[in-house]
Protein backbone atom coordinates (compact mmCIF):
# COMPACT_ATOMS: atom_id res chain seq x y z
CA UNK A 1 9.59 33.14 -72.14
CA UNK A 2 9.95 34.16 -68.53
CA UNK A 3 13.31 33.81 -66.77
CA UNK A 4 13.58 31.77 -63.60
CA UNK A 5 12.17 33.37 -60.49
CA UNK A 6 14.51 35.45 -58.31
CA UNK A 7 13.44 33.43 -55.29
CA UNK A 8 15.07 30.35 -56.83
CA UNK A 9 18.51 31.84 -56.14
CA UNK A 10 20.28 31.17 -52.82
CA UNK A 11 18.47 27.88 -52.38
CA UNK A 12 21.40 25.58 -51.70
CA UNK A 13 20.50 22.27 -50.11
CA UNK A 14 22.03 22.97 -46.72
CA UNK A 15 23.97 26.25 -46.71
CA UNK A 16 22.01 28.58 -49.02
CA UNK A 17 25.18 29.72 -50.67
CA UNK A 18 27.14 30.51 -47.50
CA UNK A 19 29.77 27.79 -47.76
CA UNK A 20 30.36 25.07 -45.20
CA UNK A 21 27.76 24.37 -42.56
CA UNK A 22 27.96 26.88 -39.74
CA UNK A 23 29.38 29.79 -41.68
CA UNK A 24 27.21 32.90 -41.53
CA UNK A 25 25.53 31.46 -38.48
CA UNK A 26 27.09 33.00 -35.34
CA UNK A 27 28.12 36.50 -34.26
CA UNK A 28 31.38 36.41 -36.22
CA UNK A 29 29.43 37.21 -39.33
CA UNK A 30 28.45 40.60 -37.95
CA UNK A 31 31.76 41.55 -36.33
CA UNK A 32 31.03 40.37 -32.80
CA UNK A 33 28.24 40.71 -30.30
CA UNK A 34 27.06 44.00 -28.84
CA UNK A 35 29.69 46.73 -28.82
CA UNK A 36 32.56 44.47 -29.82
CA UNK A 37 35.14 46.07 -32.08
CA UNK A 38 34.40 49.72 -31.27
CA UNK A 39 38.11 50.20 -30.56
CA UNK A 40 39.18 47.95 -33.44
CA UNK A 41 37.38 47.17 -36.69
CA UNK A 42 34.39 49.47 -36.03
CA UNK A 43 36.54 52.46 -35.12
CA UNK A 44 35.63 54.37 -38.29
CA UNK A 45 31.95 53.89 -37.42
CA UNK A 46 32.60 55.30 -33.94
CA UNK A 47 34.42 58.32 -35.34
CA UNK A 48 31.60 59.10 -37.76
CA UNK A 49 28.42 58.22 -35.85
CA UNK A 50 29.32 58.19 -32.14
CA UNK A 51 32.28 60.55 -31.60
CA UNK A 52 31.46 61.08 -27.91
CA UNK A 53 31.05 57.40 -27.12
CA UNK A 54 34.34 56.98 -25.26
CA UNK A 55 35.88 59.04 -22.49
CA UNK A 56 34.48 60.96 -19.57
CA UNK A 57 32.21 63.92 -20.07
CA UNK A 58 31.62 66.63 -17.52
CA UNK A 59 31.97 66.54 -13.78
CA UNK A 60 29.68 65.15 -11.12
CA UNK A 61 29.92 66.67 -7.68
CA UNK A 62 29.96 64.33 -4.72
CA UNK A 63 26.47 63.95 -3.25
CA UNK A 64 27.69 65.04 0.18
CA UNK A 65 28.57 68.54 -1.08
CA UNK A 66 25.57 69.12 -3.36
CA UNK A 67 23.18 71.42 -1.51
CA UNK A 68 19.70 69.96 -1.40
CA UNK A 69 16.99 72.60 -0.95
CA UNK A 70 14.64 72.16 2.01
CA UNK A 71 11.36 73.52 0.74
CA UNK A 72 8.18 74.77 2.40
CA UNK A 73 4.95 75.94 0.80
CA UNK A 74 3.14 79.18 1.64
CA UNK A 75 0.22 77.02 2.80
CA UNK A 76 2.43 75.44 5.47
CA UNK A 77 3.74 78.84 6.56
CA UNK A 78 0.14 80.05 6.93
CA UNK A 79 -0.82 76.98 8.98
CA UNK A 80 2.21 76.99 11.29
CA UNK A 81 2.90 80.69 11.84
CA UNK A 82 0.80 80.91 15.04
CA UNK A 83 2.57 77.86 16.48
CA UNK A 84 5.95 79.37 15.63
CA UNK A 85 5.00 82.60 17.42
CA UNK A 86 3.99 80.65 20.55
CA UNK A 87 7.27 78.74 20.46
CA UNK A 88 9.30 81.91 19.90
CA UNK A 89 10.46 80.92 16.42
CA UNK A 90 8.58 83.82 14.82
CA UNK A 91 7.43 87.25 16.01
CA UNK A 92 4.16 89.16 15.77
CA UNK A 93 4.52 92.95 15.47
CA UNK A 94 1.13 94.59 15.19
CA UNK A 95 -0.71 92.57 12.58
CA UNK A 96 2.43 91.48 10.72
CA UNK A 97 4.20 88.19 11.37
CA UNK A 98 7.98 88.03 10.96
CA UNK A 99 9.64 84.69 10.36
CA UNK A 100 13.16 83.68 9.33
CA UNK A 101 12.74 80.35 7.54
CA UNK A 102 16.51 79.74 7.45
CA UNK A 103 16.51 79.48 11.26
CA UNK A 104 13.75 76.89 10.95
CA UNK A 105 15.88 74.87 8.52
CA UNK A 106 14.18 75.81 5.23
CA UNK A 107 16.00 77.22 2.24
CA UNK A 108 13.23 77.68 -0.34
CA UNK A 109 9.68 79.00 -0.27
CA UNK A 110 7.27 77.43 -2.75
CA UNK A 111 3.92 78.79 -3.92
CA UNK A 112 1.54 75.91 -3.28
CA UNK A 113 -1.62 76.78 -1.35
CA UNK A 114 -3.01 80.04 0.02
CA UNK A 115 -1.73 82.47 2.60
CA UNK A 116 -4.10 84.76 4.47
CA UNK A 117 -1.82 86.48 7.01
CA UNK A 118 0.58 89.37 6.51
CA UNK A 119 3.99 87.76 6.77
CA UNK A 120 7.51 89.13 6.42
CA UNK A 121 9.55 86.12 5.33
CA UNK A 122 13.34 85.84 5.24
CA UNK A 123 14.53 82.94 3.09
CA UNK A 124 17.43 82.03 0.79
CA UNK A 125 15.28 81.36 -2.29
CA UNK A 126 11.64 81.62 -3.31
CA UNK A 127 9.59 81.02 -6.43
CA UNK A 128 7.89 83.91 -8.22
CA UNK A 129 4.50 82.39 -7.43
CA UNK A 130 5.30 82.28 -3.70
CA UNK A 131 6.53 85.89 -3.67
CA UNK A 132 3.39 87.03 -5.49
CA UNK A 133 1.05 85.21 -3.07
CA UNK A 134 2.80 86.65 -0.01
CA UNK A 135 2.61 90.19 -1.50
CA UNK A 136 -1.08 89.79 -2.31
CA UNK A 137 -1.71 88.90 1.34
CA UNK A 138 0.05 92.13 2.37
CA UNK A 139 3.38 90.58 3.31
CA UNK A 140 6.87 90.64 1.87
CA UNK A 141 9.63 88.16 1.01
CA UNK A 142 13.23 89.19 1.55
CA UNK A 143 15.80 86.92 -0.07
CA UNK A 144 19.06 86.26 1.74
CA UNK A 145 22.12 86.02 -0.51
CA UNK A 146 24.38 83.05 0.05
CA UNK A 147 22.34 81.66 2.93
CA UNK A 148 23.70 84.10 5.54
């Protein structure tokens, strides 16, 4: 003959085997809400599974001293170079334009777009794609160390 079903167990009238009404009901049954007890009764869990949970990690520089690169694309250099020559911000020697982007307030040359003029560019930093595009147009990129 078959034994009684397993589902018949824990079928108390009101408490399902958890004692007086209200026990096993609130967050006390699981050791507190959220991250409660991480410095107390869950400390062994923290040590094993989250050893870097507490304390400070690393160093964040103040936003006022973090240098933010001012970027310009080769497309924009190509579009504005004639205007810069008229305004005296760049020079034309023969068929080669010379421009110092640091004097114009830019620190990085990016490679988006096309460049059709021969340009000698002085800049603090440039991407490989930008350097390649300027060289293919017959120009050159000279990188300035330390933003001199």
